[in-house]
Amino acid sequence: METTLIKNRWKIVFGVLSVLALITSFQLSFKMKVDSTAGFLMLYGIQLIIWYIWGALTFFIYRLSPRLFAFRGVIPVLLHTLSGVFFVVVFLMLYAIIYHLVTQFSINGASGTFKALFTSSFHWYLILYWITVGLEYYLRMQHQLKDQELLNVKLDGELHAANLKALKMQLNPHFLFNSLNTVSSMVRASDAQKANMMLARLSEFLREVLADKNKQVIPIAEELAYVKKYLEVEKLRFLDRLELQFSVQKQAEHLMVPSLLLQPLVENAMKHGIAKKADARHLTIAIVAAEDRCHLEIFNEGPPLDDSKLTMLTNSVGLSNVLNRLSHFYPDAHDFSIKNVTGGVKVHIAIPFTPIQVTDGK
């Protein structure tokens, strides 16, 4: 498809050059008082060759222009000025040679014709060079905008897929079964107050899960609020055995993170840590800002993870989803690790610090 677009673009370019050749032929025919069809056609043929030569040079200008714009400051302007002088001189030399060979017109040979053309037309063709460069820059920016739009569409699609994967993970039968089984136990124990509380918190969590949220990034406070709703359900299920600690450094309060970044990691901490050891109680989430990076840590008490368990977690839907989105949002600019530490397991994420833009009254 891109090849077809390029071909169509060059068809348009040479179509425009053919029209310009026709216009200049009329101008020259009036100036030179050409009164025959044969004379006009010969003049038009010469102008077609000359303008098509400019079209061929335009191809090289289009190739060179992005490289010159890669420099910063006024350097691209200086380089393009030199480039413009070069291309115009080459064009006028070819113009003079062709005109001299075809018409046998001589002003001290081709060199004299070149001097005449240089004196009368150099500045016009230099302006045409800058118009050509401006058109190339415009088309390139349009192409980049389209590429960015396609990338945004791709990210949106991946976000929907990520939300779907997270939804399947969060609504897994194991979690729902355990939660509802806890409610059933509370009812059998005639503890209606706790059963109602459990159902209320479970419904709040499920309502949050099912909400149609398509934000790619959200404030860390919003992500933590979502995690807390999940942990409120788990805390009741574990009969208040669970002890939670949240530590968010003030500088990190406005951190923006990919949505559903922490939730799968917290689920893993509960499922493979707290739930696997009867005396495991503590789960800590810490967020610390250091220079231009933010560090997010999740620690859970529980048994250590052996190599096979680490491999299984890495390949799981939840963790692979997290790793993929970190790669999308922070390519080559993030760190992720999961390792055994004294008393449990710690997950560490380091990402660039991108604070939310806060304005007064909003």
Protein backbone atom coordinates (compact mmCIF):
# COMPACT_ATOMS: atom_id res chain seq x y z
CA MET A 1 0.00 0.00 0.00
CA GLU A 2 2.84 2.39 0.86
CA THR A 3 4.47 1.67 -2.54
CA THR A 4 1.20 2.59 -4.27
CA LEU A 5 1.03 5.85 -2.33
CA ILE A 6 4.62 6.72 -3.33
CA LYS A 7 3.86 5.98 -6.99
CA ASN A 8 0.73 8.12 -6.86
CA ARG A 9 2.68 10.92 -5.17
CA TRP A 10 5.27 10.98 -7.96
CA LYS A 11 2.53 10.85 -10.60
CA ILE A 12 1.11 13.99 -9.03
CA VAL A 13 4.57 15.61 -8.94
CA PHE A 14 5.25 14.98 -12.63
CA GLY A 15 1.67 15.98 -13.49
CA VAL A 16 2.26 19.33 -11.80
CA LEU A 17 5.63 19.67 -13.59
CA SER A 18 3.90 19.03 -16.93
CA VAL A 19 1.45 21.85 -16.20
CA LEU A 20 4.33 24.15 -15.20
CA ALA A 21 6.10 23.27 -18.44
CA LEU A 22 2.96 24.20 -20.38
CA ILE A 23 2.64 27.54 -18.57
CA THR A 24 6.29 28.49 -19.09
CA SER A 25 6.02 27.43 -22.76
CA PHE A 26 3.15 29.87 -23.29
CA GLN A 27 5.12 32.61 -21.54
CA LEU A 28 8.22 31.99 -23.66
CA SER A 29 6.23 31.69 -26.90
CA PHE A 30 4.76 35.15 -26.35
CA LYS A 31 8.15 36.55 -25.38
CA MET A 32 9.91 34.96 -28.37
CA LYS A 33 6.92 35.60 -30.68
CA VAL A 34 6.62 31.97 -31.73
CA ASP A 35 3.75 31.88 -34.24
CA SER A 36 3.79 28.23 -35.39
CA THR A 37 2.44 25.07 -33.77
CA ALA A 38 5.67 23.22 -34.51
CA GLY A 39 7.69 25.94 -32.83
CA PHE A 40 5.41 25.88 -29.76
CA LEU A 41 5.57 22.07 -29.51
CA MET A 42 9.36 22.15 -29.70
CA LEU A 43 9.39 24.79 -26.97
CA TYR A 44 7.00 22.69 -24.86
CA GLY A 45 9.18 19.61 -25.34
CA ILE A 46 12.23 21.53 -24.12
CA GLN A 47 10.33 22.79 -21.08
CA LEU A 48 9.07 19.28 -20.30
CA ILE A 49 12.65 17.96 -20.31
CA ILE A 50 13.84 20.84 -18.14
CA TRP A 51 11.02 20.56 -15.60
CA TYR A 52 11.34 16.78 -15.50
CA ILE A 53 15.00 17.26 -14.68
CA TRP A 54 13.88 19.38 -11.74
CA GLY A 55 11.51 16.54 -10.82
CA ALA A 56 14.43 14.11 -10.84
CA LEU A 57 16.43 16.49 -8.63
CA THR A 58 13.40 16.72 -6.35
CA PHE A 59 13.79 13.00 -5.65
CA PHE A 60 17.29 13.62 -4.30
CA ILE A 61 16.12 16.71 -2.40
CA TYR A 62 13.43 14.59 -0.70
CA ARG A 63 16.03 12.02 0.27
CA LEU A 64 18.48 14.60 1.61
CA SER A 65 16.06 16.93 3.42
CA PRO A 66 15.22 14.70 6.45
CA ARG A 67 18.93 14.14 7.08
CA LEU A 68 19.59 17.87 7.15
CA PHE A 69 16.63 18.49 9.46
CA ALA A 70 18.10 15.96 11.89
CA PHE A 71 20.49 18.68 13.12
CA ARG A 72 19.39 21.23 15.73
CA GLY A 73 19.21 25.01 15.83
CA VAL A 74 20.03 27.06 12.74
CA ILE A 75 22.28 24.37 11.25
CA PRO A 76 19.49 22.88 9.06
CA VAL A 77 18.81 26.34 7.56
CA LEU A 78 22.51 26.84 6.71
CA LEU A 79 22.86 23.34 5.29
CA HIS A 80 19.68 23.69 3.24
CA THR A 81 20.89 27.04 1.90
CA LEU A 82 24.13 25.41 0.69
CA SER A 83 22.17 22.46 -0.63
CA GLY A 84 19.78 24.82 -2.44
CA VAL A 85 22.65 26.67 -4.11
CA PHE A 86 24.16 23.35 -5.23
CA PHE A 87 20.93 21.94 -6.69
CA VAL A 88 20.01 25.19 -8.44
CA VAL A 89 23.47 25.52 -9.99
CA VAL A 90 23.35 21.91 -11.21
CA PHE A 91 19.85 22.44 -12.59
CA LEU A 92 20.80 25.65 -14.42
CA MET A 93 23.86 23.98 -15.90
CA LEU A 94 21.72 21.14 -17.26
CA TYR A 95 19.14 23.68 -18.40
CA ALA A 96 21.79 25.60 -20.33
CA ILE A 97 23.30 22.49 -21.93
CA ILE A 98 19.92 21.11 -23.06
CA TYR A 99 18.70 24.46 -24.32
CA HIS A 100 21.94 25.03 -26.21
CA LEU A 101 21.99 21.53 -27.79
CA VAL A 102 18.34 21.51 -28.85
CA THR A 103 17.95 25.08 -30.09
CA GLN A 104 21.55 25.71 -31.21
CA PHE A 105 21.01 29.06 -29.52
CA SER A 106 24.33 30.51 -28.47
CA ILE A 107 25.35 33.23 -26.08
CA ASN A 108 29.05 32.41 -26.13
CA GLY A 109 28.09 28.72 -25.98
CA ALA A 110 26.41 26.81 -23.13
CA SER A 111 28.47 28.70 -20.54
CA GLY A 112 27.06 32.00 -21.76
CA THR A 113 23.54 30.58 -21.61
CA PHE A 114 24.23 29.39 -18.06
CA LYS A 115 25.42 32.88 -17.03
CA ALA A 116 22.30 34.44 -18.50
CA LEU A 117 20.04 31.95 -16.74
CA PHE A 118 21.98 32.34 -13.46
CA THR A 119 21.65 36.12 -13.57
CA SER A 120 17.93 36.15 -14.38
CA SER A 121 16.54 33.02 -12.70
CA PHE A 122 18.80 31.83 -9.87
CA HIS A 123 16.73 33.44 -7.11
CA TRP A 124 13.45 32.03 -8.50
CA TYR A 125 14.76 28.50 -8.56
CA LEU A 126 16.24 28.92 -5.07
CA ILE A 127 12.75 29.90 -3.90
CA LEU A 128 11.42 26.82 -5.71
CA TYR A 129 13.99 24.73 -3.84
CA TRP A 130 12.69 26.02 -0.50
CA ILE A 131 9.11 25.37 -1.62
CA THR A 132 10.16 21.81 -2.46
CA VAL A 133 11.81 21.42 0.98
CA GLY A 134 8.71 22.85 2.69
CA LEU A 135 6.48 20.41 0.81
CA GLU A 136 8.75 17.50 1.78
CA TYR A 137 8.67 18.59 5.42
CA TYR A 138 4.87 18.91 5.37
CA LEU A 139 4.38 15.47 3.78
CA ARG A 140 6.82 13.92 6.25
CA MET A 141 5.01 15.47 9.22
CA GLN A 142 1.70 14.21 7.85
CA HIS A 143 3.19 10.74 7.50
CA GLN A 144 4.51 10.83 11.07
CA LEU A 145 1.12 11.98 12.37
CA LYS A 146 -0.55 9.07 10.61
CA ASP A 147 2.05 6.71 12.07
CA GLN A 148 1.37 8.15 15.53
CA GLU A 149 -2.37 7.73 15.04
CA LEU A 150 -1.83 4.11 14.01
CA LEU A 151 0.37 3.60 17.08
CA ASN A 152 -2.33 5.11 19.32
CA VAL A 153 -4.94 2.82 17.77
CA LYS A 154 -2.63 -0.12 18.37
CA LEU A 155 -2.07 0.91 22.01
CA ASP A 156 -5.81 1.37 22.49
CA GLY A 157 -6.38 -2.12 21.12
CA GLU A 158 -3.70 -3.54 23.37
CA LEU A 159 -5.22 -1.71 26.32
CA HIS A 160 -8.60 -3.32 25.64
CA ALA A 161 -6.88 -6.70 25.39
CA ALA A 162 -5.00 -5.99 28.63
CA ASN A 163 -8.22 -5.03 30.40
CA LEU A 164 -9.85 -8.21 29.15
CA LYS A 165 -6.94 -10.33 30.35
CA ALA A 166 -6.96 -8.55 33.71
CA LEU A 167 -10.71 -9.03 33.97
CA LYS A 168 -10.40 -12.76 33.32
CA MET A 169 -7.63 -12.95 35.88
CA GLN A 170 -9.48 -10.93 38.52
CA LEU A 171 -12.73 -12.79 38.04
CA ASN A 172 -11.10 -16.20 38.14
CA PRO A 173 -13.25 -18.89 39.71
CA HIS A 174 -10.72 -19.43 42.48
CA PHE A 175 -11.08 -15.86 43.82
CA LEU A 176 -14.89 -15.78 43.51
CA PHE A 177 -15.27 -19.26 44.98
CA ASN A 178 -13.15 -18.41 48.02
CA SER A 179 -14.95 -15.10 48.56
CA LEU A 180 -18.43 -16.61 48.31
CA ASN A 181 -17.37 -19.57 50.41
CA THR A 182 -16.29 -17.11 53.11
CA VAL A 183 -19.72 -15.43 52.95
CA SER A 184 -21.38 -18.84 53.26
CA SER A 185 -19.26 -19.65 56.34
CA MET A 186 -20.21 -16.34 57.93
CA VAL A 187 -23.91 -17.02 57.33
CA ARG A 188 -23.63 -20.51 58.84
CA ALA A 189 -21.87 -18.96 61.84
CA SER A 190 -24.79 -16.50 62.16
CA ASP A 191 -22.45 -13.61 61.59
CA ALA A 192 -24.81 -11.68 59.33
CA GLN A 193 -23.04 -8.36 59.86
CA LYS A 194 -19.70 -9.63 58.52
CA ALA A 195 -21.47 -11.51 55.71
CA ASN A 196 -23.22 -8.33 54.61
CA MET A 197 -19.95 -6.39 54.83
CA MET A 198 -18.19 -9.05 52.75
CA LEU A 199 -20.90 -8.96 50.08
CA ALA A 200 -20.86 -5.15 50.02
CA ARG A 201 -17.10 -4.98 49.54
CA LEU A 202 -17.17 -7.77 46.98
CA SER A 203 -19.87 -5.95 44.98
CA GLU A 204 -17.86 -2.68 45.11
CA PHE A 205 -14.82 -4.48 43.80
CA LEU A 206 -16.75 -6.23 41.02
CA ARG A 207 -18.42 -2.96 40.04
CA GLU A 208 -14.97 -1.38 39.71
CA VAL A 209 -13.73 -4.33 37.65
CA LEU A 210 -16.69 -4.20 35.28
CA ALA A 211 -16.54 -0.42 34.82
CA ASP A 212 -15.66 0.54 31.25
CA LYS A 213 -12.36 2.36 31.77
CA ASN A 214 -10.17 2.80 28.72
CA LYS A 215 -7.55 5.11 30.20
CA GLN A 216 -4.05 4.05 29.24
CA VAL A 217 -2.43 5.75 32.23
CA ILE A 218 -3.95 6.78 35.54
CA PRO A 219 -2.71 8.52 38.71
CA ILE A 220 -1.11 6.17 41.22
CA ALA A 221 -3.80 7.14 43.74
CA GLU A 222 -6.49 5.73 41.44
CA GLU A 223 -4.54 2.51 40.94
CA LEU A 224 -4.02 2.15 44.70
CA ALA A 225 -7.72 2.78 45.39
CA TYR A 226 -8.57 -0.10 43.08
CA VAL A 227 -6.03 -2.39 44.78
CA LYS A 228 -7.38 -1.44 48.20
CA LYS A 229 -10.92 -2.50 47.22
CA TYR A 230 -9.56 -5.90 46.27
CA LEU A 231 -7.59 -6.19 49.52
CA GLU A 232 -10.62 -5.20 51.60
CA VAL A 233 -12.34 -8.32 50.29
CA GLU A 234 -9.28 -10.44 50.95
CA LYS A 235 -8.87 -9.04 54.46
CA LEU A 236 -12.37 -10.16 55.41
CA ARG A 237 -11.78 -13.55 53.77
CA PHE A 238 -8.62 -14.03 55.86
CA LEU A 239 -10.56 -13.02 58.99
CA ASP A 240 -8.46 -9.89 59.55
CA ARG A 241 -5.22 -11.89 59.57
CA LEU A 242 -3.98 -9.70 56.76
CA GLU A 243 -1.94 -6.63 57.77
CA LEU A 244 -1.56 -4.00 55.06
CA GLN A 245 0.86 -1.11 54.80
CA PHE A 246 0.86 1.55 52.08
CA SER A 247 3.77 3.96 51.83
CA VAL A 248 3.65 6.61 49.09
CA GLN A 249 6.36 9.27 49.16
CA LYS A 250 4.99 12.79 48.73
CA GLN A 251 7.02 13.42 45.55
CA ALA A 252 5.42 10.31 44.02
CA GLU A 253 1.80 11.23 44.72
CA HIS A 254 1.26 12.51 41.17
CA LEU A 255 2.95 9.56 39.46
CA MET A 256 1.14 8.32 36.35
CA VAL A 257 1.22 4.56 35.75
CA PRO A 258 -0.32 2.16 33.23
CA SER A 259 -3.76 1.15 34.46
CA LEU A 260 -3.98 -2.24 36.19
CA LEU A 261 -0.23 -2.28 36.79
CA LEU A 262 -0.26 -3.26 40.48
CA GLN A 263 -3.42 -5.36 40.67
CA PRO A 264 -2.03 -8.56 39.07
CA LEU A 265 1.10 -8.32 41.22
CA VAL A 266 -0.94 -7.94 44.43
CA GLU A 267 -3.09 -10.93 43.43
CA ASN A 268 0.05 -13.01 42.97
CA ALA A 269 1.31 -11.85 46.38
CA MET A 270 -1.93 -13.03 47.99
CA LYS A 271 -2.31 -16.26 46.06
CA HIS A 272 1.31 -17.47 46.18
CA GLY A 273 2.42 -15.80 49.39
CA ILE A 274 -0.08 -14.94 52.14
CA ALA A 275 -2.44 -17.83 51.31
CA LYS A 276 0.37 -20.40 51.26
CA LYS A 277 1.61 -19.85 54.82
CA ALA A 278 -0.61 -19.82 57.90
CA ASP A 279 1.41 -17.23 59.80
CA ALA A 280 2.01 -14.93 56.81
CA ARG A 281 0.36 -11.60 57.56
CA HIS A 282 2.17 -8.62 56.12
CA LEU A 283 1.73 -7.12 52.66
CA THR A 284 3.45 -3.81 51.93
CA ILE A 285 3.21 -1.51 48.93
CA ALA A 286 5.84 1.25 48.78
CA ILE A 287 6.29 3.95 46.13
CA VAL A 288 9.41 6.12 46.29
CA ALA A 289 10.58 8.90 43.96
CA ALA A 290 14.33 9.15 43.37
CA GLU A 291 15.63 11.78 40.95
CA ASP A 292 13.89 11.15 37.63
CA ARG A 293 12.63 7.64 38.41
CA CYS A 294 9.98 6.09 40.61
CA HIS A 295 10.37 2.79 42.41
CA LEU A 296 7.32 0.63 43.18
CA GLU A 297 7.77 -2.28 45.57
CA ILE A 298 5.36 -4.97 46.71
CA PHE A 299 6.45 -7.19 49.60
CA ASN A 300 4.50 -10.14 50.95
CA GLU A 301 5.27 -12.57 53.71
CA GLY A 302 5.13 -16.19 52.67
CA PRO A 303 7.20 -19.12 51.43
CA PRO A 304 10.09 -18.47 49.04
CA LEU A 305 9.55 -19.05 45.33
CA ASP A 306 11.66 -21.75 43.69
CA ASP A 307 12.82 -21.49 40.07
CA SER A 308 9.88 -23.44 38.67
CA LYS A 309 7.40 -21.20 40.49
CA LEU A 310 9.17 -18.05 39.25
CA THR A 311 9.03 -19.38 35.68
CA MET A 312 5.34 -20.19 36.06
CA LEU A 313 4.60 -16.70 37.38
CA THR A 314 6.59 -15.03 34.59
CA ASN A 315 4.58 -16.94 31.99
CA SER A 316 1.23 -16.33 33.70
CA VAL A 317 -1.41 -14.15 32.07
CA GLY A 318 -1.25 -11.49 34.77
CA LEU A 319 2.52 -11.04 35.00
CA SER A 320 3.18 -11.33 31.25
CA ASN A 321 0.49 -8.69 30.76
CA VAL A 322 2.31 -6.35 33.17
CA LEU A 323 5.67 -6.95 31.50
CA ASN A 324 4.27 -6.35 28.01
CA ARG A 325 2.69 -3.04 28.96
CA LEU A 326 5.82 -1.86 30.75
CA SER A 327 7.70 -2.54 27.51
CA HIS A 328 5.11 -0.59 25.51
CA PHE A 329 5.01 2.47 27.76
CA TYR A 330 8.67 2.53 28.83
CA PRO A 331 10.74 0.76 26.15
CA ASP A 332 14.29 0.29 27.39
CA ALA A 333 13.52 2.63 30.30
CA HIS A 334 12.11 0.35 33.01
CA ASP A 335 13.34 -2.31 35.41
CA PHE A 336 11.38 -5.26 36.77
CA SER A 337 12.44 -7.93 39.24
CA ILE A 338 10.81 -10.51 41.47
CA LYS A 339 12.99 -12.21 44.07
CA ASN A 340 13.02 -13.95 47.41
CA VAL A 341 13.99 -11.80 50.40
CA THR A 342 14.10 -12.42 54.13
CA GLY A 343 10.63 -13.52 55.25
CA GLY A 344 8.94 -13.41 51.85
CA VAL A 345 8.99 -12.19 48.26
CA LYS A 346 9.56 -8.70 46.83
CA VAL A 347 8.57 -7.31 43.44
CA HIS A 348 10.40 -4.18 42.30
CA ILE A 349 9.50 -1.90 39.38
CA ALA A 350 11.44 1.20 38.35
CA ILE A 351 9.91 3.54 35.75
CA PRO A 352 10.53 7.13 34.57
CA PHE A 353 8.82 9.74 36.71
CA THR A 354 6.01 11.39 34.72
CA PRO A 355 3.92 13.56 37.08
CA ILE A 356 0.33 14.41 36.27
CA GLN A 357 -0.22 17.98 35.11
CA VAL A 358 -2.14 19.75 37.89
CA THR A 359 -3.72 23.16 37.36
CA ASP A 360 -5.37 25.39 39.94
CA GLY A 361 -9.04 24.78 40.43
CA LYS A 362 -9.03 21.46 38.51
